[in-house]
Structure formats: structure tokens, C-alpha cells
Amino acid sequence: MRRFARQYSSRAKDILKKSFERMEADKTYKKSAEDFAQLQAAARELGVPKQLIKQVYDGVQPGMHAKKAVSAAEKMLVDAADIAMFATPTGAEFNRPFEFDDLPSAGHLQLEEHRTYREFVRLAAYTLPQLSEFATEYRRPAKNENLKFKHYTFVGESHPAERKVVLTFSPDSTGLGEKQLHKLKLLAGPRYDPDRNEIKISSDRFPEQAQNKRYLGYVYSRLVQTAQDPSDTFEDVPLDPRAANERRARRRSLYPQHEFPAEWNRPDLAPRPKDDIVSVLSGQQ
């Protein structure tokens, strides 16, 4: 039954579509009660209200979208005109030999480079001085402004490393006590650098810089809160120096810089210039 219902519904759609297309395209079409009855039957089968189908039927004017017949020869002429309109010019102006009356391609490239240079010079002369209006006086960061955020920007391209944010802060600037600082350094682990006395944390787990910066702020607050927890201070746990030693080894130069022995200094054997005026004057005295 469902298959028959689908067949009847598709047949009703075809009747409506073809009937209205014939009415719109044929100027000689005359409306009749028989055609309207067929449209009503098809609309009833599709569930279309009778008033709606009558309103559409009365609004259609025969020949309102009449199709003009175009012969094959006319179509070829139209296509040829379109091709000629968008084709590349191949006249005598483009085929004549080079008569050394213009700069070659390399010369035009140099002129374009010179125009670009002059454009930036104009910007430096007229636009850069206007930026002084936005200058602000330098202010030393306050004691509570101890967080340093580092962002990455690749000019002219999109790079996945742009979302990375690095947070650096000194443990002493957190205002914690001695035991709490020791616990904070233990929690930081290899991210704590004893040589520079700073903790460095980075994040690129989120797609945007703002999200990673917010996450690093959350990690910082959690570190400080956990270090302030008096339930366990980890006083008996020493700091692990292995990460710091590896960092020092990477910073160390492959070629050690030895100091020159003092006993090897022989200034009397140093070469002297031919015209040593100081020696000449001292000898004369």
C-alpha cells in the first residue's frame, strides 16, 4: 500500500508541475474547467487546500514565461561572440618584436621595488610621527604584577605554534613563607630553575591564545593554593637537582674557556712597532 501511495503522490506532483509549466510557457493556452478539475484532484491527493490551488491557478497568466526558440545557427553565433569577448588579445600590438623603446621585465621589477620603497618612506615620514599620540610613560610593575606571559606571532602566515603561551614568574614574588616556597618548588618540579630563580610553565592544549593564558592563570592559582595548604609541607623532601644539572650542561660551551696562565706572560718578548716613539723618547732622556 505504501508503494502505491508513493506512486500516486509522485504522479500528482508531475501533473501539477507539467500543467503549470505548460500554462506559463504557452501563450495560446486557454483555461478550462477540465484542467482545473485535474489540478484539484492532484492537489487533493497531495493534501493541498482547495483555496490555495484556486488562488495559484487564477494568478497564473498564460505565456508569462514564454520560451523563445533559438536555432542552432543563432546559438553558434552567440557562443562565438562570448568566446571572442573573453579571449586573450592576439593583435599586432602583442606580436610585434621588441624595439628597445621600453624597459625590459627586469627594469619594470626594479621600478616596482622602488615604488614600494618610496611608499614605506612616505609612511615613515607622515604616519609614524602620528603614533607618538599613543605613547605612554613607562611604569615599573608592582609587586603583585609578577606574572610574565610570552606569546608567539608569525607575521604573514598561520602557524600552530601561535596558540602557545609561556608563563614565567619568580617564587619569591608570590609572598609565601620559607616552607611554602619549598613546597611550591617541589610542586613545580623540573620547571623550576634554581640558577635564575624562576618557574616556567607553557600551554598549547587549546586552539586560542586567550584560552591557554586563562588556563595558565588557573594553574598558577592552584599551585599557590596547594603550596599554602598546611596539611603537609614536605619539609623532609629535598629538591631534585637533576633537571637543573641537565640545563646547566646544555648551557655550557663545548669548548671550555681556560684562563691564560699569568706565568706565561712575557711582555718583553712582545713585538714592537718599527717607529716606537715612546722607546725613542725614553732612551733620549
C-alpha atoms as a PDB file:
ATOM      1  CA  MET A   1       0.000   0.000   0.000  1.00  0.00           C
ATOM      2  CA  ARG A   2       2.828   2.376   0.807  1.00  0.00           C
ATOM      3  CA  ARG A   3       4.428   1.734  -2.596  1.00  0.00           C
ATOM      4  CA  PHE A   4       1.151   2.511  -4.364  1.00  0.00           C
ATOM      5  CA  ALA A   5       0.756   5.681  -2.243  1.00  0.00           C
ATOM      6  CA  ARG A   6       4.231   6.865  -3.254  1.00  0.00           C
ATOM      7  CA  GLN A   7       3.437   6.183  -6.923  1.00  0.00           C
ATOM      8  CA  TYR A   8       0.182   8.156  -6.751  1.00  0.00           C
ATOM      9  CA  SER A   9       1.833  11.061  -4.914  1.00  0.00           C
ATOM     10  CA  SER A  10       4.664  11.295  -7.480  1.00  0.00           C
ATOM     11  CA  ARG A  11       2.093  11.166 -10.299  1.00  0.00           C
ATOM     12  CA  ALA A  12       0.154  14.015  -8.677  1.00  0.00           C
ATOM     13  CA  LYS A  13       3.326  16.095  -8.389  1.00  0.00           C
ATOM     14  CA  ASP A  14       4.089  15.548 -12.076  1.00  0.00           C
ATOM     15  CA  ILE A  15       0.554  16.623 -13.023  1.00  0.00           C
ATOM     16  CA  LEU A  16       0.845  19.869 -11.065  1.00  0.00           C
ATOM     17  CA  LYS A  17       4.339  20.666 -12.334  1.00  0.00           C
ATOM     18  CA  LYS A  18       3.705  19.967 -16.015  1.00  0.00           C
ATOM     19  CA  SER A  19       0.323  21.694 -16.019  1.00  0.00           C
ATOM     20  CA  PHE A  20       1.653  24.951 -14.589  1.00  0.00           C
ATOM     21  CA  GLU A  21       4.749  24.853 -16.826  1.00  0.00           C
ATOM     22  CA  ARG A  22       2.531  24.456 -19.909  1.00  0.00           C
ATOM     23  CA  MET A  23       0.326  27.333 -18.788  1.00  0.00           C
ATOM     24  CA  GLU A  24       3.304  29.660 -18.221  1.00  0.00           C
ATOM     25  CA  ALA A  25       5.087  28.795 -21.483  1.00  0.00           C
ATOM     26  CA  ASP A  26       2.152  28.612 -23.946  1.00  0.00           C
ATOM     27  CA  LYS A  27       0.620  31.980 -24.901  1.00  0.00           C
ATOM     28  CA  THR A  28      -2.286  30.279 -26.717  1.00  0.00           C
ATOM     29  CA  TYR A  29      -3.324  28.262 -23.684  1.00  0.00           C
ATOM     30  CA  LYS A  30      -6.918  28.758 -22.554  1.00  0.00           C
ATOM     31  CA  LYS A  31      -8.034  27.851 -19.072  1.00  0.00           C
ATOM     32  CA  SER A  32     -10.767  25.222 -18.847  1.00  0.00           C
ATOM     33  CA  ALA A  33     -12.814  23.525 -16.158  1.00  0.00           C
ATOM     34  CA  GLU A  34     -11.424  20.092 -17.106  1.00  0.00           C
ATOM     35  CA  ASP A  35      -7.807  21.149 -16.487  1.00  0.00           C
ATOM     36  CA  PHE A  36      -8.768  22.818 -13.228  1.00  0.00           C
ATOM     37  CA  ALA A  37     -10.562  19.643 -12.116  1.00  0.00           C
ATOM     38  CA  GLN A  38      -7.401  17.604 -12.779  1.00  0.00           C
ATOM     39  CA  LEU A  39      -5.356  20.100 -10.776  1.00  0.00           C
ATOM     40  CA  GLN A  40      -7.844  19.923  -7.907  1.00  0.00           C
ATOM     41  CA  ALA A  41      -7.689  16.125  -7.880  1.00  0.00           C
ATOM     42  CA  ALA A  42      -3.884  16.134  -7.826  1.00  0.00           C
ATOM     43  CA  ALA A  43      -3.845  18.773  -5.080  1.00  0.00           C
ATOM     44  CA  ARG A  44      -6.354  16.779  -3.032  1.00  0.00           C
ATOM     45  CA  GLU A  45      -4.113  13.728  -3.305  1.00  0.00           C
ATOM     46  CA  LEU A  46      -1.116  15.741  -2.064  1.00  0.00           C
ATOM     47  CA  GLY A  47      -3.099  17.374   0.756  1.00  0.00           C
ATOM     48  CA  VAL A  48      -3.008  20.898  -0.729  1.00  0.00           C
ATOM     49  CA  PRO A  49      -6.011  23.064   0.294  1.00  0.00           C
ATOM     50  CA  LYS A  50      -8.576  23.752  -2.429  1.00  0.00           C
ATOM     51  CA  GLN A  51      -8.483  27.514  -1.849  1.00  0.00           C
ATOM     52  CA  LEU A  52      -4.695  27.617  -2.330  1.00  0.00           C
ATOM     53  CA  ILE A  53      -4.726  25.723  -5.632  1.00  0.00           C
ATOM     54  CA  LYS A  54      -7.522  28.001  -6.917  1.00  0.00           C
ATOM     55  CA  GLN A  55      -5.563  31.111  -5.904  1.00  0.00           C
ATOM     56  CA  VAL A  56      -2.444  29.882  -7.725  1.00  0.00           C
ATOM     57  CA  TYR A  57      -4.475  28.828 -10.778  1.00  0.00           C
ATOM     58  CA  ASP A  58      -6.127  32.234 -11.048  1.00  0.00           C
ATOM     59  CA  GLY A  59      -2.787  34.046 -10.610  1.00  0.00           C
ATOM     60  CA  VAL A  60      -1.021  32.277 -13.482  1.00  0.00           C
ATOM     61  CA  GLN A  61      -1.192  34.141 -16.799  1.00  0.00           C
ATOM     62  CA  PRO A  62      -0.733  32.075 -19.983  1.00  0.00           C
ATOM     63  CA  GLY A  63       2.594  32.803 -21.649  1.00  0.00           C
ATOM     64  CA  MET A  64       4.015  34.777 -18.726  1.00  0.00           C
ATOM     65  CA  HIS A  65       7.338  32.872 -19.038  1.00  0.00           C
ATOM     66  CA  ALA A  66       7.312  32.060 -22.717  1.00  0.00           C
ATOM     67  CA  LYS A  67      10.437  30.369 -24.075  1.00  0.00           C
ATOM     68  CA  LYS A  68      11.882  31.784 -27.263  1.00  0.00           C
ATOM     69  CA  ALA A  69      13.004  29.173 -29.732  1.00  0.00           C
ATOM     70  CA  VAL A  70      16.649  29.602 -30.745  1.00  0.00           C
ATOM     71  CA  SER A  71      18.033  27.888 -33.809  1.00  0.00           C
ATOM     72  CA  ALA A  72      21.354  26.057 -33.852  1.00  0.00           C
ATOM     73  CA  ALA A  73      22.947  28.714 -36.085  1.00  0.00           C
ATOM     74  CA  GLU A  74      21.924  31.523 -33.727  1.00  0.00           C
ATOM     75  CA  LYS A  75      23.279  29.590 -30.751  1.00  0.00           C
ATOM     76  CA  MET A  76      26.644  29.139 -32.524  1.00  0.00           C
ATOM     77  CA  LEU A  77      26.845  32.887 -33.202  1.00  0.00           C
ATOM     78  CA  VAL A  78      26.123  33.712 -29.555  1.00  0.00           C
ATOM     79  CA  ASP A  79      28.764  31.239 -28.352  1.00  0.00           C
ATOM     80  CA  ALA A  80      31.347  32.644 -30.783  1.00  0.00           C
ATOM     81  CA  ALA A  81      30.662  36.182 -29.532  1.00  0.00           C
ATOM     82  CA  ASP A  82      31.139  35.060 -25.910  1.00  0.00           C
ATOM     83  CA  ILE A  83      34.415  33.345 -26.768  1.00  0.00           C
ATOM     84  CA  ALA A  84      35.700  36.422 -28.588  1.00  0.00           C
ATOM     85  CA  MET A  85      34.734  38.628 -25.640  1.00  0.00           C
ATOM     86  CA  PHE A  86      36.771  36.661 -23.076  1.00  0.00           C
ATOM     87  CA  ALA A  87      39.624  35.515 -25.320  1.00  0.00           C
ATOM     88  CA  THR A  88      43.178  36.825 -24.889  1.00  0.00           C
ATOM     89  CA  PRO A  89      44.020  39.614 -27.382  1.00  0.00           C
ATOM     90  CA  THR A  90      46.347  38.440 -30.118  1.00  0.00           C
ATOM     91  CA  GLY A  91      46.616  41.562 -32.243  1.00  0.00           C
ATOM     92  CA  ALA A  92      49.628  43.113 -33.878  1.00  0.00           C
ATOM     93  CA  GLU A  93      50.398  45.080 -30.718  1.00  0.00           C
ATOM     94  CA  PHE A  94      51.219  41.857 -28.883  1.00  0.00           C
ATOM     95  CA  ASN A  95      53.086  40.202 -31.731  1.00  0.00           C
ATOM     96  CA  ARG A  96      55.441  42.999 -32.758  1.00  0.00           C
ATOM     97  CA  PRO A  97      59.159  42.485 -31.917  1.00  0.00           C
ATOM     98  CA  PHE A  98      60.904  44.343 -29.133  1.00  0.00           C
ATOM     99  CA  GLU A  99      62.315  47.619 -30.496  1.00  0.00           C
ATOM    100  CA  PHE A 100      64.169  48.741 -27.333  1.00  0.00           C
ATOM    101  CA  ASP A 101      61.651  51.539 -26.787  1.00  0.00           C
ATOM    102  CA  ASP A 102      60.663  50.314 -23.322  1.00  0.00           C
ATOM    103  CA  LEU A 103      62.268  48.858 -20.224  1.00  0.00           C
ATOM    104  CA  PRO A 104      62.649  45.081 -20.103  1.00  0.00           C
ATOM    105  CA  SER A 105      60.903  42.978 -17.488  1.00  0.00           C
ATOM    106  CA  ALA A 106      63.828  43.252 -15.058  1.00  0.00           C
ATOM    107  CA  GLY A 107      63.685  47.042 -15.318  1.00  0.00           C
ATOM    108  CA  HIS A 108      59.975  47.116 -14.507  1.00  0.00           C
ATOM    109  CA  LEU A 109      60.642  44.907 -11.472  1.00  0.00           C
ATOM    110  CA  GLN A 110      63.236  47.406 -10.244  1.00  0.00           C
ATOM    111  CA  LEU A 111      60.760  50.250 -10.709  1.00  0.00           C
ATOM    112  CA  GLU A 112      58.143  48.336  -8.726  1.00  0.00           C
ATOM    113  CA  GLU A 113      60.668  47.765  -5.950  1.00  0.00           C
ATOM    114  CA  HIS A 114      61.489  51.482  -5.955  1.00  0.00           C
ATOM    115  CA  ARG A 115      57.776  52.363  -5.703  1.00  0.00           C
ATOM    116  CA  THR A 116      57.413  50.042  -2.715  1.00  0.00           C
ATOM    117  CA  TYR A 117      60.435  51.651  -1.052  1.00  0.00           C
ATOM    118  CA  ARG A 118      59.008  55.152  -1.597  1.00  0.00           C
ATOM    119  CA  GLU A 119      55.672  54.044  -0.137  1.00  0.00           C
ATOM    120  CA  PHE A 120      57.344  52.936   3.093  1.00  0.00           C
ATOM    121  CA  VAL A 121      59.381  56.143   3.193  1.00  0.00           C
ATOM    122  CA  ARG A 122      56.149  58.147   2.997  1.00  0.00           C
ATOM    123  CA  LEU A 123      54.709  56.066   5.830  1.00  0.00           C
ATOM    124  CA  ALA A 124      57.810  56.732   7.944  1.00  0.00           C
ATOM    125  CA  ALA A 125      57.663  60.461   7.201  1.00  0.00           C
ATOM    126  CA  TYR A 126      53.951  61.135   7.654  1.00  0.00           C
ATOM    127  CA  THR A 127      52.338  58.229   9.530  1.00  0.00           C
ATOM    128  CA  LEU A 128      54.922  57.212  12.125  1.00  0.00           C
ATOM    129  CA  PRO A 129      55.021  60.648  13.826  1.00  0.00           C
ATOM    130  CA  GLN A 130      51.292  60.311  14.489  1.00  0.00           C
ATOM    131  CA  LEU A 131      51.942  57.234  16.637  1.00  0.00           C
ATOM    132  CA  SER A 132      53.522  59.441  19.302  1.00  0.00           C
ATOM    133  CA  GLU A 133      49.993  60.325  20.435  1.00  0.00           C
ATOM    134  CA  PHE A 134      49.587  56.766  21.735  1.00  0.00           C
ATOM    135  CA  ALA A 135      52.879  56.697  23.666  1.00  0.00           C
ATOM    136  CA  THR A 136      52.604  56.004  27.408  1.00  0.00           C
ATOM    137  CA  GLU A 137      55.104  56.595  30.169  1.00  0.00           C
ATOM    138  CA  TYR A 138      56.970  53.568  31.460  1.00  0.00           C
ATOM    139  CA  ARG A 139      55.768  52.317  34.819  1.00  0.00           C
ATOM    140  CA  ARG A 140      57.609  49.758  36.892  1.00  0.00           C
ATOM    141  CA  PRO A 141      55.478  46.688  37.583  1.00  0.00           C
ATOM    142  CA  ALA A 142      54.029  46.475  41.058  1.00  0.00           C
ATOM    143  CA  LYS A 143      54.857  43.692  43.481  1.00  0.00           C
ATOM    144  CA  ASN A 144      51.607  41.892  42.760  1.00  0.00           C
ATOM    145  CA  GLU A 145      52.285  42.048  38.986  1.00  0.00           C
ATOM    146  CA  ASN A 146      54.766  39.184  38.998  1.00  0.00           C
ATOM    147  CA  LEU A 147      53.478  37.138  36.053  1.00  0.00           C
ATOM    148  CA  LYS A 148      55.185  37.326  32.657  1.00  0.00           C
ATOM    149  CA  PHE A 149      53.291  35.924  29.662  1.00  0.00           C
ATOM    150  CA  LYS A 150      55.110  35.233  26.419  1.00  0.00           C
ATOM    151  CA  HIS A 151      53.184  34.928  23.135  1.00  0.00           C
ATOM    152  CA  TYR A 152      54.285  33.802  19.680  1.00  0.00           C
ATOM    153  CA  THR A 153      53.274  35.570  16.465  1.00  0.00           C
ATOM    154  CA  PHE A 154      54.230  34.562  12.924  1.00  0.00           C
ATOM    155  CA  VAL A 155      53.761  37.539  10.613  1.00  0.00           C
ATOM    156  CA  GLY A 156      52.208  36.749   7.261  1.00  0.00           C
ATOM    157  CA  GLU A 157      51.347  33.112   7.947  1.00  0.00           C
ATOM    158  CA  SER A 158      49.250  30.895  10.159  1.00  0.00           C
ATOM    159  CA  HIS A 159      51.285  28.612  12.392  1.00  0.00           C
ATOM    160  CA  PRO A 160      50.113  26.123  15.054  1.00  0.00           C
ATOM    161  CA  ALA A 161      52.713  27.497  17.489  1.00  0.00           C
ATOM    162  CA  GLU A 162      50.828  30.821  17.664  1.00  0.00           C
ATOM    163  CA  ARG A 163      48.465  29.384  20.255  1.00  0.00           C
ATOM    164  CA  LYS A 164      51.324  28.599  22.668  1.00  0.00           C
ATOM    165  CA  VAL A 165      51.678  30.796  25.767  1.00  0.00           C
ATOM    166  CA  VAL A 166      54.572  30.665  28.263  1.00  0.00           C
ATOM    167  CA  LEU A 167      54.176  31.823  31.880  1.00  0.00           C
ATOM    168  CA  THR A 168      57.271  32.813  33.888  1.00  0.00           C
ATOM    169  CA  PHE A 169      57.322  34.034  37.484  1.00  0.00           C
ATOM    170  CA  SER A 170      59.672  34.179  40.448  1.00  0.00           C
ATOM    171  CA  PRO A 171      58.705  32.146  43.538  1.00  0.00           C
ATOM    172  CA  ASP A 172      59.869  34.970  45.818  1.00  0.00           C
ATOM    173  CA  SER A 173      57.281  37.344  44.313  1.00  0.00           C
ATOM    174  CA  THR A 174      54.362  35.166  45.459  1.00  0.00           C
ATOM    175  CA  GLY A 175      54.651  36.360  49.072  1.00  0.00           C
ATOM    176  CA  LEU A 176      54.863  32.838  50.518  1.00  0.00           C
ATOM    177  CA  GLY A 177      56.859  31.761  53.549  1.00  0.00           C
ATOM    178  CA  GLU A 178      60.016  29.669  53.515  1.00  0.00           C
ATOM    179  CA  LYS A 179      58.235  26.333  53.958  1.00  0.00           C
ATOM    180  CA  GLN A 180      55.572  27.258  51.436  1.00  0.00           C
ATOM    181  CA  LEU A 181      58.230  28.304  48.903  1.00  0.00           C
ATOM    182  CA  HIS A 182      59.957  24.950  49.328  1.00  0.00           C
ATOM    183  CA  LYS A 183      56.676  23.161  48.681  1.00  0.00           C
ATOM    184  CA  LEU A 184      55.980  25.376  45.650  1.00  0.00           C
ATOM    185  CA  LYS A 185      59.370  24.495  44.145  1.00  0.00           C
ATOM    186  CA  LEU A 186      58.703  20.803  44.746  1.00  0.00           C
ATOM    187  CA  LEU A 187      55.334  21.087  43.008  1.00  0.00           C
ATOM    188  CA  ALA A 188      56.928  22.871  40.034  1.00  0.00           C
ATOM    189  CA  GLY A 189      59.419  20.011  39.606  1.00  0.00           C
ATOM    190  CA  PRO A 190      61.735  20.382  36.581  1.00  0.00           C
ATOM    191  CA  ARG A 191      60.013  23.658  35.638  1.00  0.00           C
ATOM    192  CA  TYR A 192      61.861  25.404  38.465  1.00  0.00           C
ATOM    193  CA  ASP A 193      65.266  26.847  37.523  1.00  0.00           C
ATOM    194  CA  PRO A 194      67.393  27.472  40.662  1.00  0.00           C
ATOM    195  CA  ASP A 195      70.037  29.407  38.708  1.00  0.00           C
ATOM    196  CA  ARG A 196      67.544  32.045  37.579  1.00  0.00           C
ATOM    197  CA  ASN A 197      65.141  31.501  40.488  1.00  0.00           C
ATOM    198  CA  GLU A 198      62.075  31.289  38.245  1.00  0.00           C
ATOM    199  CA  ILE A 199      59.325  28.850  37.332  1.00  0.00           C
ATOM    200  CA  LYS A 200      58.357  28.462  33.670  1.00  0.00           C
ATOM    201  CA  ILE A 201      55.091  26.827  32.538  1.00  0.00           C
ATOM    202  CA  SER A 202      53.784  26.634  28.953  1.00  0.00           C
ATOM    203  CA  SER A 203      50.494  25.545  27.410  1.00  0.00           C
ATOM    204  CA  ASP A 204      49.271  24.869  23.865  1.00  0.00           C
ATOM    205  CA  ARG A 205      46.455  22.434  24.595  1.00  0.00           C
ATOM    206  CA  PHE A 206      43.732  24.884  23.499  1.00  0.00           C
ATOM    207  CA  PRO A 207      43.256  26.371  19.990  1.00  0.00           C
ATOM    208  CA  GLU A 208      43.390  30.051  21.073  1.00  0.00           C
ATOM    209  CA  GLN A 209      45.996  32.109  22.936  1.00  0.00           C
ATOM    210  CA  ALA A 210      43.420  33.569  25.309  1.00  0.00           C
ATOM    211  CA  GLN A 211      42.296  30.092  26.342  1.00  0.00           C
ATOM    212  CA  ASN A 212      45.860  28.956  27.062  1.00  0.00           C
ATOM    213  CA  LYS A 213      46.586  32.156  29.002  1.00  0.00           C
ATOM    214  CA  ARG A 214      43.493  31.653  31.123  1.00  0.00           C
ATOM    215  CA  TYR A 215      44.477  28.044  31.752  1.00  0.00           C
ATOM    216  CA  LEU A 216      47.983  29.089  32.879  1.00  0.00           C
ATOM    217  CA  GLY A 217      46.440  31.579  35.296  1.00  0.00           C
ATOM    218  CA  TYR A 218      44.323  28.764  36.713  1.00  0.00           C
ATOM    219  CA  VAL A 219      47.416  26.533  37.094  1.00  0.00           C
ATOM    220  CA  TYR A 220      49.296  29.344  38.863  1.00  0.00           C
ATOM    221  CA  SER A 221      46.475  29.925  41.343  1.00  0.00           C
ATOM    222  CA  ARG A 222      46.217  26.184  42.024  1.00  0.00           C
ATOM    223  CA  LEU A 223      49.979  25.980  42.651  1.00  0.00           C
ATOM    224  CA  VAL A 224      49.873  28.821  45.168  1.00  0.00           C
ATOM    225  CA  GLN A 225      46.796  27.410  46.915  1.00  0.00           C
ATOM    226  CA  THR A 226      48.349  23.953  47.184  1.00  0.00           C
ATOM    227  CA  ALA A 227      51.617  25.408  48.499  1.00  0.00           C
ATOM    228  CA  GLN A 228      49.655  27.240  51.205  1.00  0.00           C
ATOM    229  CA  ASP A 229      47.966  24.029  52.360  1.00  0.00           C
ATOM    230  CA  PRO A 230      49.380  23.322  55.875  1.00  0.00           C
ATOM    231  CA  SER A 231      48.350  19.659  55.932  1.00  0.00           C
ATOM    232  CA  ASP A 232      51.731  18.553  54.535  1.00  0.00           C
ATOM    233  CA  THR A 233      54.678  20.902  53.979  1.00  0.00           C
ATOM    234  CA  PHE A 234      57.130  18.313  52.535  1.00  0.00           C
ATOM    235  CA  GLU A 235      59.953  19.730  54.639  1.00  0.00           C
ATOM    236  CA  ASP A 236      61.837  16.432  54.622  1.00  0.00           C
ATOM    237  CA  VAL A 237      61.776  16.144  50.788  1.00  0.00           C
ATOM    238  CA  PRO A 238      64.796  17.796  49.117  1.00  0.00           C
ATOM    239  CA  LEU A 239      64.747  19.431  45.696  1.00  0.00           C
ATOM    240  CA  ASP A 240      65.748  17.219  42.773  1.00  0.00           C
ATOM    241  CA  PRO A 241      68.856  18.779  41.134  1.00  0.00           C
ATOM    242  CA  ARG A 242      68.904  16.549  38.038  1.00  0.00           C
ATOM    243  CA  ALA A 243      66.835  18.846  35.829  1.00  0.00           C
ATOM    244  CA  ALA A 244      68.965  21.855  36.823  1.00  0.00           C
ATOM    245  CA  ASN A 245      72.187  19.933  36.131  1.00  0.00           C
ATOM    246  CA  GLU A 246      70.961  18.946  32.655  1.00  0.00           C
ATOM    247  CA  ARG A 247      70.031  22.559  31.982  1.00  0.00           C
ATOM    248  CA  ARG A 248      73.489  23.731  33.036  1.00  0.00           C
ATOM    249  CA  ALA A 249      75.102  21.104  30.816  1.00  0.00           C
ATOM    250  CA  ARG A 250      73.148  22.367  27.812  1.00  0.00           C
ATOM    251  CA  ARG A 251      74.199  25.946  28.526  1.00  0.00           C
ATOM    252  CA  ARG A 252      77.844  25.016  28.904  1.00  0.00           C
ATOM    253  CA  SER A 253      80.019  25.626  25.856  1.00  0.00           C
ATOM    254  CA  LEU A 254      81.573  22.662  24.065  1.00  0.00           C
ATOM    255  CA  TYR A 255      84.931  24.421  24.137  1.00  0.00           C
ATOM    256  CA  PRO A 256      85.905  25.416  27.692  1.00  0.00           C
ATOM    257  CA  GLN A 257      87.338  28.900  28.131  1.00  0.00           C
ATOM    258  CA  HIS A 258      90.519  28.445  30.169  1.00  0.00           C
ATOM    259  CA  GLU A 259      92.239  31.419  31.738  1.00  0.00           C
ATOM    260  CA  PHE A 260      95.647  32.282  30.332  1.00  0.00           C
ATOM    261  CA  PRO A 261      98.359  31.446  32.925  1.00  0.00           C
ATOM    262  CA  ALA A 262      99.960  34.509  34.441  1.00  0.00           C
ATOM    263  CA  GLU A 263     103.446  32.948  34.363  1.00  0.00           C
ATOM    264  CA  TRP A 264     103.272  32.701  30.609  1.00  0.00           C
ATOM    265  CA  ASN A 265     103.065  36.451  30.199  1.00  0.00           C
ATOM    266  CA  ARG A 266     106.363  37.775  28.651  1.00  0.00           C
ATOM    267  CA  PRO A 267     105.781  41.427  27.778  1.00  0.00           C
ATOM    268  CA  ASP A 268     109.489  41.890  26.996  1.00  0.00           C
ATOM    269  CA  LEU A 269     109.187  39.471  24.080  1.00  0.00           C
ATOM    270  CA  ALA A 270     106.152  41.167  22.600  1.00  0.00           C
ATOM    271  CA  PRO A 271     106.758  42.565  19.087  1.00  0.00           C
ATOM    272  CA  ARG A 272     107.270  46.284  18.882  1.00  0.00           C
ATOM    273  CA  PRO A 273     106.472  48.597  16.004  1.00  0.00           C
ATOM    274  CA  LYS A 274     109.323  49.987  13.966  1.00  0.00           C
ATOM    275  CA  ASP A 275     108.574  53.576  14.932  1.00  0.00           C
ATOM    276  CA  ASP A 276     108.214  53.176  18.698  1.00  0.00           C
ATOM    277  CA  ILE A 277     108.114  56.834  19.707  1.00  0.00           C
ATOM    278  CA  VAL A 278     107.805  56.074  23.411  1.00  0.00           C
ATOM    279  CA  SER A 279     111.001  53.989  23.449  1.00  0.00           C
ATOM    280  CA  VAL A 280     112.867  56.589  21.440  1.00  0.00           C
ATOM    281  CA  LEU A 281     111.887  59.400  23.780  1.00  0.00           C
ATOM    282  CA  SER A 282     112.597  57.365  26.906  1.00  0.00           C
ATOM    283  CA  GLY A 283     116.054  56.429  25.549  1.00  0.00           C
ATOM    284  CA  GLN A 284     116.891  60.028  24.816  1.00  0.00           C
ATOM    285  CA  GLN A 285     116.052  61.017  28.358  1.00  0.00           C
END
